[in-house]
């Protein structure tokens, strides 16, 4: 009856715009699809995660990355940038797709059809 679908939302036109959004930082908070997300550039790859730590809901604006994981600045919990898993919890992450006309983030939702 219900099925999972993905809504793809364009958030940048090209890599130049991505780098402008990041302003030389590793992480940058932004709104995409009405969600507070964190754009992350780590080891030359781009990631997008929910901008709330699943431990206590603190914002991850000041987070940093270590060995493929994002580390919460408050309690030092770390979560994989690839899977969102870590510290016995799960940080929601969103896939990024590069297309001819720009960069898109995927947001899953339930659909009746």
Protein backbone atom coordinates (compact mmCIF):
# COMPACT_ATOMS: atom_id res chain seq x y z
CA UNK A 1 0.00 0.00 0.00
CA UNK A 2 2.67 2.55 1.02
CA UNK A 3 5.94 2.90 -0.83
CA UNK A 4 9.09 4.91 -0.23
CA UNK A 5 9.90 7.51 -2.87
CA UNK A 6 12.67 10.03 -3.21
CA UNK A 7 12.15 13.68 -4.04
CA UNK A 8 15.26 15.20 -5.65
CA UNK A 9 15.80 18.89 -4.90
CA UNK A 10 18.39 21.02 -6.66
CA UNK A 11 20.52 22.97 -4.19
CA UNK A 12 23.52 24.12 -6.28
CA UNK A 13 24.20 24.75 -9.98
CA UNK A 14 27.81 23.64 -10.03
CA UNK A 15 30.88 22.92 -7.88
CA UNK A 16 31.81 26.61 -7.84
CA UNK A 17 28.49 27.39 -6.15
CA UNK A 18 29.03 24.53 -3.66
CA UNK A 19 32.40 25.99 -2.70
CA UNK A 20 30.83 29.45 -2.36
CA UNK A 21 28.18 27.98 -0.05
CA UNK A 22 30.90 26.40 2.11
CA UNK A 23 33.00 29.61 2.16
CA UNK A 24 36.17 27.60 2.77
CA UNK A 25 34.66 25.73 5.71
CA UNK A 26 34.19 21.99 6.12
CA UNK A 27 30.50 22.31 7.13
CA UNK A 28 27.80 24.84 6.30
CA UNK A 29 24.22 24.92 7.59
CA UNK A 30 21.52 25.58 5.03
CA UNK A 31 17.84 24.95 4.26
CA UNK A 32 16.92 22.53 1.48
CA UNK A 33 13.38 21.28 0.92
CA UNK A 34 12.36 23.18 4.10
CA UNK A 35 14.78 21.07 6.15
CA UNK A 36 17.69 22.32 8.26
CA UNK A 37 20.64 20.43 6.80
CA UNK A 38 24.40 20.57 6.97
CA UNK A 39 26.40 20.54 3.75
CA UNK A 40 29.75 18.84 4.38
CA UNK A 41 32.88 18.60 2.24
CA UNK A 42 35.27 15.91 3.47
CA UNK A 43 38.17 14.39 1.53
CA UNK A 44 36.90 16.00 -1.68
CA UNK A 45 33.40 14.51 -1.39
CA UNK A 46 30.14 16.29 -0.60
CA UNK A 47 27.64 15.01 1.96
CA UNK A 48 24.38 16.29 3.39
CA UNK A 49 23.09 15.41 6.86
CA UNK A 50 20.33 16.62 9.16
CA UNK A 51 21.57 19.58 11.18
CA UNK A 52 20.60 18.03 14.53
CA UNK A 53 22.55 15.51 16.54
CA UNK A 54 20.29 12.51 17.27
CA UNK A 55 21.73 12.28 20.81
CA UNK A 56 20.22 15.47 22.25
CA UNK A 57 19.15 17.51 19.24
CA UNK A 58 21.98 20.05 19.30
CA UNK A 59 22.81 21.79 16.03
CA UNK A 60 25.88 20.48 14.23
CA UNK A 61 26.98 23.86 12.80
CA UNK A 62 30.34 23.68 14.58
CA UNK A 63 30.93 19.98 13.89
CA UNK A 64 34.14 18.70 12.33
CA UNK A 65 35.05 15.56 10.43
CA UNK A 66 37.44 12.76 11.35
CA UNK A 67 38.12 9.60 9.37
CA UNK A 68 34.90 9.73 7.33
CA UNK A 69 32.68 10.68 10.26
CA UNK A 70 31.07 13.89 11.45
CA UNK A 71 31.73 14.62 15.12
CA UNK A 72 29.18 16.47 17.26
CA UNK A 73 30.86 19.48 18.92
CA UNK A 74 28.86 19.04 22.13
CA UNK A 75 29.34 15.43 23.22
CA UNK A 76 31.90 14.21 20.66
CA UNK A 77 29.55 11.53 19.29
CA UNK A 78 30.58 10.59 15.75
CA UNK A 79 28.46 9.44 12.81
CA UNK A 80 29.48 8.00 9.45
CA UNK A 81 29.04 10.47 6.62
CA UNK A 82 28.18 7.55 4.32
CA UNK A 83 25.56 5.77 6.44
CA UNK A 84 24.70 8.09 9.35
CA UNK A 85 25.40 5.29 11.83
CA UNK A 86 27.42 5.82 14.97
CA UNK A 87 27.41 5.97 18.75
CA UNK A 88 24.45 3.58 18.83
CA UNK A 89 22.30 6.18 17.06
CA UNK A 90 21.52 7.22 13.49
CA UNK A 91 22.08 10.66 11.96
CA UNK A 92 19.72 11.20 9.05
CA UNK A 93 21.67 11.73 5.85
CA UNK A 94 20.59 12.62 2.34
CA UNK A 95 22.15 11.34 -0.89
CA UNK A 96 23.69 13.88 -3.24
CA UNK A 97 23.55 13.39 -6.97
CA UNK A 98 25.57 15.37 -9.51
CA UNK A 99 23.63 15.97 -12.73
CA UNK A 100 24.33 17.98 -15.87
CA UNK A 101 22.42 20.99 -14.52
CA UNK A 102 23.64 20.88 -10.92
CA UNK A 103 23.67 19.11 -7.57
CA UNK A 104 20.57 17.49 -6.09
CA UNK A 105 19.78 16.14 -2.63
CA UNK A 106 17.40 13.21 -2.20
CA UNK A 107 14.68 13.27 0.46
CA UNK A 108 12.71 10.08 1.10
CA UNK A 109 9.00 10.15 1.85
CA UNK A 110 6.07 7.72 2.06
CA UNK A 111 3.59 7.68 -0.79
CA UNK A 112 0.23 6.00 -1.26
CA UNK A 113 0.98 5.47 -4.95
